[in-house]
Amino acid sequence: MGISRDSRHKHRKTGGRRNIHQKKRKFEMGRPAALCKMGSKRVRPVRCRGGNMKYRALRIDAGNFAWGSENCAKKVRILDVVYNATSNELVRTKTLTKNSIVQIDAQPYKQWYLKKYGVDLGKKGKKGGKDAKDGKEAEEQEKKSRHVIFKLKAREAKQKLDPAVEEQFQSGRLLAAVSSRPGQCGRCDG
């Protein structure tokens, strides 16, 4: 039996049974769920009504994730699925769906932040980190022109990072929500 999206098999509003007077139709067809897992990329094209194509992601390991407040998007590895509002079963089996909360690699964002603001987010503690960094920073700042140093300082003065996000950067893993539909478009972005 195929998966059908018709309402002929349902009871009437009054509770009575309906007489089925026609067969299943192709346009009422449904397909099994993709249940995209984590792993090396595996995407299958599916022909749909009107000759359109859907791309079923069966396994996926990376996605394009945006850091909205900083206006920065990077392609990063997906490390783990940590929460899904639908069911804990989807967390246990590491299934990627829309609005799954996943852990992603923080490294590309750290590098971008260092380049834009001159601040290394990986270092723990502002004061303790400064002394350890001084030797390295002295070398780095020799390479930068005076104009660039002032530009970075001005940016940093205006910049304020959420302590919760900073804590995540120190652990090397960020939490992100998947906003694309992996079973429909074959991508896992958020």
C-alpha atoms as a PDB file:
ATOM      1  CA  MET A   1       0.000   0.000   0.000  1.00  0.00           C
ATOM      2  CA  GLY A   2       1.328   3.430  -0.950  1.00  0.00           C
ATOM      3  CA  ILE A   3       1.172   6.448   1.318  1.00  0.00           C
ATOM      4  CA  SER A   4      -1.951   8.432   0.439  1.00  0.00           C
ATOM      5  CA  ARG A   5      -3.038  11.923   1.542  1.00  0.00           C
ATOM      6  CA  ASP A   6      -6.733  11.559   0.716  1.00  0.00           C
ATOM      7  CA  SER A   7      -9.644  12.006   3.125  1.00  0.00           C
ATOM      8  CA  ARG A   8     -11.923   9.289   1.699  1.00  0.00           C
ATOM      9  CA  HIS A   9     -10.831   6.809   4.355  1.00  0.00           C
ATOM     10  CA  LYS A  10     -11.831   9.175   7.181  1.00  0.00           C
ATOM     11  CA  HIS A  11     -15.111   9.158   9.052  1.00  0.00           C
ATOM     12  CA  ARG A  12     -17.768  11.760   8.392  1.00  0.00           C
ATOM     13  CA  LYS A  13     -18.128  14.700  10.791  1.00  0.00           C
ATOM     14  CA  THR A  14     -21.129  12.893  12.328  1.00  0.00           C
ATOM     15  CA  GLY A  15     -19.019   9.774  12.934  1.00  0.00           C
ATOM     16  CA  GLY A  16     -20.415   7.604  10.143  1.00  0.00           C
ATOM     17  CA  ARG A  17     -18.300   5.635   7.702  1.00  0.00           C
ATOM     18  CA  ARG A  18     -17.855   6.880   4.116  1.00  0.00           C
ATOM     19  CA  ASN A  19     -18.413   4.742   1.050  1.00  0.00           C
ATOM     20  CA  ILE A  20     -15.230   4.693  -1.026  1.00  0.00           C
ATOM     21  CA  HIS A  21     -16.213   5.220  -4.648  1.00  0.00           C
ATOM     22  CA  GLN A  22     -12.818   5.802  -6.290  1.00  0.00           C
ATOM     23  CA  LYS A  23      -9.271   4.511  -6.184  1.00  0.00           C
ATOM     24  CA  LYS A  24      -6.167   6.279  -4.949  1.00  0.00           C
ATOM     25  CA  ARG A  25      -4.954   9.018  -7.271  1.00  0.00           C
ATOM     26  CA  LYS A  26      -1.367   9.911  -8.157  1.00  0.00           C
ATOM     27  CA  PHE A  27      -1.848  13.546  -7.029  1.00  0.00           C
ATOM     28  CA  GLU A  28      -2.832  12.325  -3.524  1.00  0.00           C
ATOM     29  CA  MET A  29       0.440  10.439  -3.194  1.00  0.00           C
ATOM     30  CA  GLY A  30       2.788  10.801  -0.229  1.00  0.00           C
ATOM     31  CA  ARG A  31       6.365   9.555   0.202  1.00  0.00           C
ATOM     32  CA  PRO A  32       8.270   8.129   3.186  1.00  0.00           C
ATOM     33  CA  ALA A  33      10.138  10.641   5.381  1.00  0.00           C
ATOM     34  CA  ALA A  34      13.782  11.348   4.546  1.00  0.00           C
ATOM     35  CA  LEU A  35      14.985  11.181   8.202  1.00  0.00           C
ATOM     36  CA  CYS A  36      18.286  12.834   7.318  1.00  0.00           C
ATOM     37  CA  LYS A  37      21.156  11.637   9.529  1.00  0.00           C
ATOM     38  CA  MET A  38      24.643  12.940  10.212  1.00  0.00           C
ATOM     39  CA  GLY A  39      27.380  11.511   8.004  1.00  0.00           C
ATOM     40  CA  SER A  40      29.188  11.978   4.702  1.00  0.00           C
ATOM     41  CA  LYS A  41      26.962  13.834   2.224  1.00  0.00           C
ATOM     42  CA  ARG A  42      24.385  11.674   0.444  1.00  0.00           C
ATOM     43  CA  VAL A  43      21.636  13.469  -1.505  1.00  0.00           C
ATOM     44  CA  ARG A  44      19.131  11.840  -3.871  1.00  0.00           C
ATOM     45  CA  PRO A  45      17.024  13.723  -6.453  1.00  0.00           C
ATOM     46  CA  VAL A  46      13.280  12.937  -6.477  1.00  0.00           C
ATOM     47  CA  ARG A  47      11.011  13.797  -9.409  1.00  0.00           C
ATOM     48  CA  CYS A  48       7.828  15.513  -8.274  1.00  0.00           C
ATOM     49  CA  ARG A  49       4.565  16.708  -9.766  1.00  0.00           C
ATOM     50  CA  GLY A  50       5.031  19.065 -12.704  1.00  0.00           C
ATOM     51  CA  GLY A  51       8.506  17.694 -13.425  1.00  0.00           C
ATOM     52  CA  ASN A  52       9.967  19.616 -10.484  1.00  0.00           C
ATOM     53  CA  MET A  53      12.805  18.148  -8.423  1.00  0.00           C
ATOM     54  CA  LYS A  54      13.248  17.753  -4.699  1.00  0.00           C
ATOM     55  CA  TYR A  55      16.584  16.865  -3.200  1.00  0.00           C
ATOM     56  CA  ARG A  56      16.410  14.303  -0.392  1.00  0.00           C
ATOM     57  CA  ALA A  57      19.355  14.611   1.951  1.00  0.00           C
ATOM     58  CA  LEU A  58      19.783  11.165   3.488  1.00  0.00           C
ATOM     59  CA  ARG A  59      23.055  12.062   5.208  1.00  0.00           C
ATOM     60  CA  ILE A  60      24.758  15.408   5.646  1.00  0.00           C
ATOM     61  CA  ASP A  61      27.791  16.620   7.593  1.00  0.00           C
ATOM     62  CA  ALA A  62      28.065  20.382   6.960  1.00  0.00           C
ATOM     63  CA  GLY A  63      25.896  23.426   6.353  1.00  0.00           C
ATOM     64  CA  ASN A  64      25.913  27.165   5.801  1.00  0.00           C
ATOM     65  CA  PHE A  65      25.136  28.789   9.165  1.00  0.00           C
ATOM     66  CA  ALA A  66      24.560  32.521   9.651  1.00  0.00           C
ATOM     67  CA  TRP A  67      25.497  34.595  12.691  1.00  0.00           C
ATOM     68  CA  GLY A  68      22.687  37.115  12.255  1.00  0.00           C
ATOM     69  CA  SER A  69      23.749  39.883  14.629  1.00  0.00           C
ATOM     70  CA  GLU A  70      27.253  39.987  13.089  1.00  0.00           C
ATOM     71  CA  ASN A  71      26.002  39.612   9.505  1.00  0.00           C
ATOM     72  CA  CYS A  72      28.375  36.702   8.914  1.00  0.00           C
ATOM     73  CA  ALA A  73      27.696  33.284   7.361  1.00  0.00           C
ATOM     74  CA  LYS A  74      30.159  30.396   7.147  1.00  0.00           C
ATOM     75  CA  LYS A  75      30.123  26.813   5.942  1.00  0.00           C
ATOM     76  CA  VAL A  76      30.776  24.706   9.041  1.00  0.00           C
ATOM     77  CA  ARG A  77      30.731  21.088  10.188  1.00  0.00           C
ATOM     78  CA  ILE A  78      27.724  19.818  12.125  1.00  0.00           C
ATOM     79  CA  LEU A  79      29.031  18.011  15.201  1.00  0.00           C
ATOM     80  CA  ASP A  80      25.935  16.811  17.073  1.00  0.00           C
ATOM     81  CA  VAL A  81      22.139  17.081  17.431  1.00  0.00           C
ATOM     82  CA  VAL A  82      21.308  18.272  20.960  1.00  0.00           C
ATOM     83  CA  TYR A  83      17.569  19.083  20.944  1.00  0.00           C
ATOM     84  CA  ASN A  84      14.448  18.577  18.854  1.00  0.00           C
ATOM     85  CA  ALA A  85      11.058  19.895  19.951  1.00  0.00           C
ATOM     86  CA  THR A  86       9.253  17.077  18.116  1.00  0.00           C
ATOM     87  CA  SER A  87      10.750  14.103  19.904  1.00  0.00           C
ATOM     88  CA  ASN A  88      13.767  12.930  21.899  1.00  0.00           C
ATOM     89  CA  GLU A  89      13.886   9.961  19.528  1.00  0.00           C
ATOM     90  CA  LEU A  90      15.165  12.330  16.819  1.00  0.00           C
ATOM     91  CA  VAL A  91      17.962  13.491  19.164  1.00  0.00           C
ATOM     92  CA  ARG A  92      18.944   9.927  20.038  1.00  0.00           C
ATOM     93  CA  THR A  93      19.131   8.889  16.390  1.00  0.00           C
ATOM     94  CA  LYS A  94      20.825  12.229  15.428  1.00  0.00           C
ATOM     95  CA  THR A  95      18.176  13.059  12.826  1.00  0.00           C
ATOM     96  CA  LEU A  96      18.404  16.475  11.163  1.00  0.00           C
ATOM     97  CA  THR A  97      15.076  18.243  10.595  1.00  0.00           C
ATOM     98  CA  LYS A  98      13.995  21.861  10.351  1.00  0.00           C
ATOM     99  CA  ASN A  99      14.419  23.645  13.707  1.00  0.00           C
ATOM    100  CA  SER A 100      16.669  20.924  15.190  1.00  0.00           C
ATOM    101  CA  ILE A 101      19.150  22.460  17.607  1.00  0.00           C
ATOM    102  CA  VAL A 102      22.633  21.339  16.573  1.00  0.00           C
ATOM    103  CA  GLN A 103      26.195  21.886  17.740  1.00  0.00           C
ATOM    104  CA  ILE A 104      28.484  23.331  15.081  1.00  0.00           C
ATOM    105  CA  ASP A 105      32.216  23.967  14.870  1.00  0.00           C
ATOM    106  CA  ALA A 106      33.098  27.481  16.135  1.00  0.00           C
ATOM    107  CA  GLN A 107      36.514  27.765  14.432  1.00  0.00           C
ATOM    108  CA  PRO A 108      35.512  29.628  11.215  1.00  0.00           C
ATOM    109  CA  TYR A 109      33.602  32.237  13.238  1.00  0.00           C
ATOM    110  CA  LYS A 110      36.538  32.649  15.659  1.00  0.00           C
ATOM    111  CA  GLN A 111      38.894  33.337  12.758  1.00  0.00           C
ATOM    112  CA  TRP A 112      36.468  35.826  11.229  1.00  0.00           C
ATOM    113  CA  TYR A 113      35.989  37.609  14.593  1.00  0.00           C
ATOM    114  CA  LEU A 114      39.753  37.815  15.122  1.00  0.00           C
ATOM    115  CA  LYS A 115      40.203  39.330  11.676  1.00  0.00           C
ATOM    116  CA  LYS A 116      37.383  41.869  12.058  1.00  0.00           C
ATOM    117  CA  TYR A 117      37.748  42.904  15.722  1.00  0.00           C
ATOM    118  CA  GLY A 118      41.271  41.739  16.614  1.00  0.00           C
ATOM    119  CA  VAL A 119      39.860  39.714  19.544  1.00  0.00           C
ATOM    120  CA  ASP A 120      40.514  36.005  20.029  1.00  0.00           C
ATOM    121  CA  LEU A 121      37.273  34.497  21.358  1.00  0.00           C
ATOM    122  CA  GLY A 122      38.875  31.175  22.266  1.00  0.00           C
ATOM    123  CA  LYS A 123      40.906  32.596  25.171  1.00  0.00           C
ATOM    124  CA  LYS A 124      39.492  32.107  28.681  1.00  0.00           C
ATOM    125  CA  GLY A 125      39.309  35.104  31.034  1.00  0.00           C
ATOM    126  CA  LYS A 126      40.044  38.669  29.942  1.00  0.00           C
ATOM    127  CA  LYS A 127      42.897  39.405  32.379  1.00  0.00           C
ATOM    128  CA  GLY A 128      44.549  35.978  32.505  1.00  0.00           C
ATOM    129  CA  GLY A 129      44.435  35.656  28.734  1.00  0.00           C
ATOM    130  CA  LYS A 130      46.001  39.088  28.110  1.00  0.00           C
ATOM    131  CA  ASP A 131      49.329  38.251  29.783  1.00  0.00           C
ATOM    132  CA  ALA A 132      49.671  34.968  27.934  1.00  0.00           C
ATOM    133  CA  LYS A 133      48.758  36.651  24.648  1.00  0.00           C
ATOM    134  CA  ASP A 134      51.140  39.610  24.959  1.00  0.00           C
ATOM    135  CA  GLY A 135      54.104  37.825  23.399  1.00  0.00           C
ATOM    136  CA  LYS A 136      52.132  36.639  20.391  1.00  0.00           C
ATOM    137  CA  GLU A 137      50.148  39.841  20.041  1.00  0.00           C
ATOM    138  CA  ALA A 138      53.300  41.924  19.948  1.00  0.00           C
ATOM    139  CA  GLU A 139      54.418  39.949  16.889  1.00  0.00           C
ATOM    140  CA  GLU A 140      51.001  40.233  15.255  1.00  0.00           C
ATOM    141  CA  GLN A 141      50.688  43.966  15.879  1.00  0.00           C
ATOM    142  CA  GLU A 142      54.056  44.624  14.261  1.00  0.00           C
ATOM    143  CA  LYS A 143      52.578  43.291  11.035  1.00  0.00           C
ATOM    144  CA  LYS A 144      49.508  45.574  11.239  1.00  0.00           C
ATOM    145  CA  SER A 145      49.668  49.204  10.190  1.00  0.00           C
ATOM    146  CA  ARG A 146      48.734  51.970  12.642  1.00  0.00           C
ATOM    147  CA  HIS A 147      45.570  52.693  10.674  1.00  0.00           C
ATOM    148  CA  VAL A 148      44.425  49.056  10.891  1.00  0.00           C
ATOM    149  CA  ILE A 149      45.087  48.910  14.672  1.00  0.00           C
ATOM    150  CA  PHE A 150      42.983  52.033  15.258  1.00  0.00           C
ATOM    151  CA  LYS A 151      40.242  50.697  13.014  1.00  0.00           C
ATOM    152  CA  LEU A 152      40.096  47.432  15.009  1.00  0.00           C
ATOM    153  CA  LYS A 153      40.052  49.346  18.317  1.00  0.00           C
ATOM    154  CA  ALA A 154      37.155  51.515  17.121  1.00  0.00           C
ATOM    155  CA  ARG A 155      35.193  48.426  16.047  1.00  0.00           C
ATOM    156  CA  GLU A 156      35.897  46.662  19.335  1.00  0.00           C
ATOM    157  CA  ALA A 157      34.711  49.704  21.349  1.00  0.00           C
ATOM    158  CA  LYS A 158      31.291  49.534  19.654  1.00  0.00           C
ATOM    159  CA  GLN A 159      31.128  45.752  19.864  1.00  0.00           C
ATOM    160  CA  LYS A 160      29.376  43.898  22.698  1.00  0.00           C
ATOM    161  CA  LEU A 161      29.166  40.101  22.715  1.00  0.00           C
ATOM    162  CA  ASP A 162      26.582  38.121  24.683  1.00  0.00           C
ATOM    163  CA  PRO A 163      28.290  36.285  27.604  1.00  0.00           C
ATOM    164  CA  ALA A 164      26.401  33.073  26.756  1.00  0.00           C
ATOM    165  CA  VAL A 165      27.765  33.142  23.188  1.00  0.00           C
ATOM    166  CA  GLU A 166      31.267  33.905  24.485  1.00  0.00           C
ATOM    167  CA  GLU A 167      31.062  30.855  26.756  1.00  0.00           C
ATOM    168  CA  GLN A 168      30.108  28.696  23.762  1.00  0.00           C
ATOM    169  CA  PHE A 169      33.094  30.030  21.803  1.00  0.00           C
ATOM    170  CA  GLN A 170      35.418  28.978  24.626  1.00  0.00           C
ATOM    171  CA  SER A 171      34.090  25.418  24.451  1.00  0.00           C
ATOM    172  CA  GLY A 172      34.733  25.452  20.673  1.00  0.00           C
ATOM    173  CA  ARG A 173      31.130  24.491  19.833  1.00  0.00           C
ATOM    174  CA  LEU A 174      28.209  26.786  19.038  1.00  0.00           C
ATOM    175  CA  LEU A 175      24.498  25.991  19.255  1.00  0.00           C
ATOM    176  CA  ALA A 176      22.515  26.674  16.094  1.00  0.00           C
ATOM    177  CA  ALA A 177      18.992  26.027  14.798  1.00  0.00           C
ATOM    178  CA  VAL A 178      18.494  24.425  11.382  1.00  0.00           C
ATOM    179  CA  SER A 179      16.249  26.661   9.252  1.00  0.00           C
ATOM    180  CA  SER A 180      16.282  24.765   5.946  1.00  0.00           C
ATOM    181  CA  ARG A 181      14.447  21.485   5.316  1.00  0.00           C
ATOM    182  CA  PRO A 182      17.097  18.813   4.618  1.00  0.00           C
ATOM    183  CA  GLY A 183      14.587  16.312   3.204  1.00  0.00           C
ATOM    184  CA  GLN A 184      13.232  18.861   0.670  1.00  0.00           C
ATOM    185  CA  CYS A 185      16.190  20.978  -0.476  1.00  0.00           C
ATOM    186  CA  GLY A 186      19.119  18.679   0.340  1.00  0.00           C
ATOM    187  CA  ARG A 187      20.834  21.311   2.518  1.00  0.00           C
ATOM    188  CA  CYS A 188      21.213  21.825   6.229  1.00  0.00           C
ATOM    189  CA  ASP A 189      21.503  25.588   6.791  1.00  0.00           C
ATOM    190  CA  GLY A 190      20.632  27.735   9.772  1.00  0.00           C
END
